[in-house]
């Protein structure tokens, strides 16, 4: 909820252009820290759910999700560089952590799609693969850097993995 809230509050963040981490450079910084910690906890819950649902077939996905959880948690202490400022070591580390997080959660969704299919959970397998594809499209758009829509593409990644966490949560019950 905190992640949604900062999107409607008067933050001066340009949703289509600026990264989600830009909210950390506003007075709403504590809200973004709560959202990152919440995402890390959601990843932990997804690891538990996948282990219960798929057993040994979930090992690779669980390792990928652990990378996501750790990198996302570390983003709370590694702020990004402000727009139109020189690149810093901290900003470069932030970017690397974000890349690790986005790549690992995207790969996890795709790996889980295959494991769900093998487990006979065809509908969940399709949705896991579709949401992994959504994250991949968001990542490709954000990486292209030729558009001025980085923020939009990054939010597509966020929407993909948040919906994927929900999918796994409802699939295990």
Foldseek 3Di string as FASTA:
>chain_A
DLLVVLVPDPFPDDLQFDASLVSCVGPSVVSLLVVLQVLLVLLVVLLVLCCVVQNPLLVLLNVLSNLLSVLSNVCNVQGADDPPDDHDPSNVSNVVSVVSNLVSLLVSLQSVLVSCVVVVVPVLSVLSPVLSVQSVQLVVVLVVVPDSRNSVSNVSSVVSSVVNSVSSVVVSD
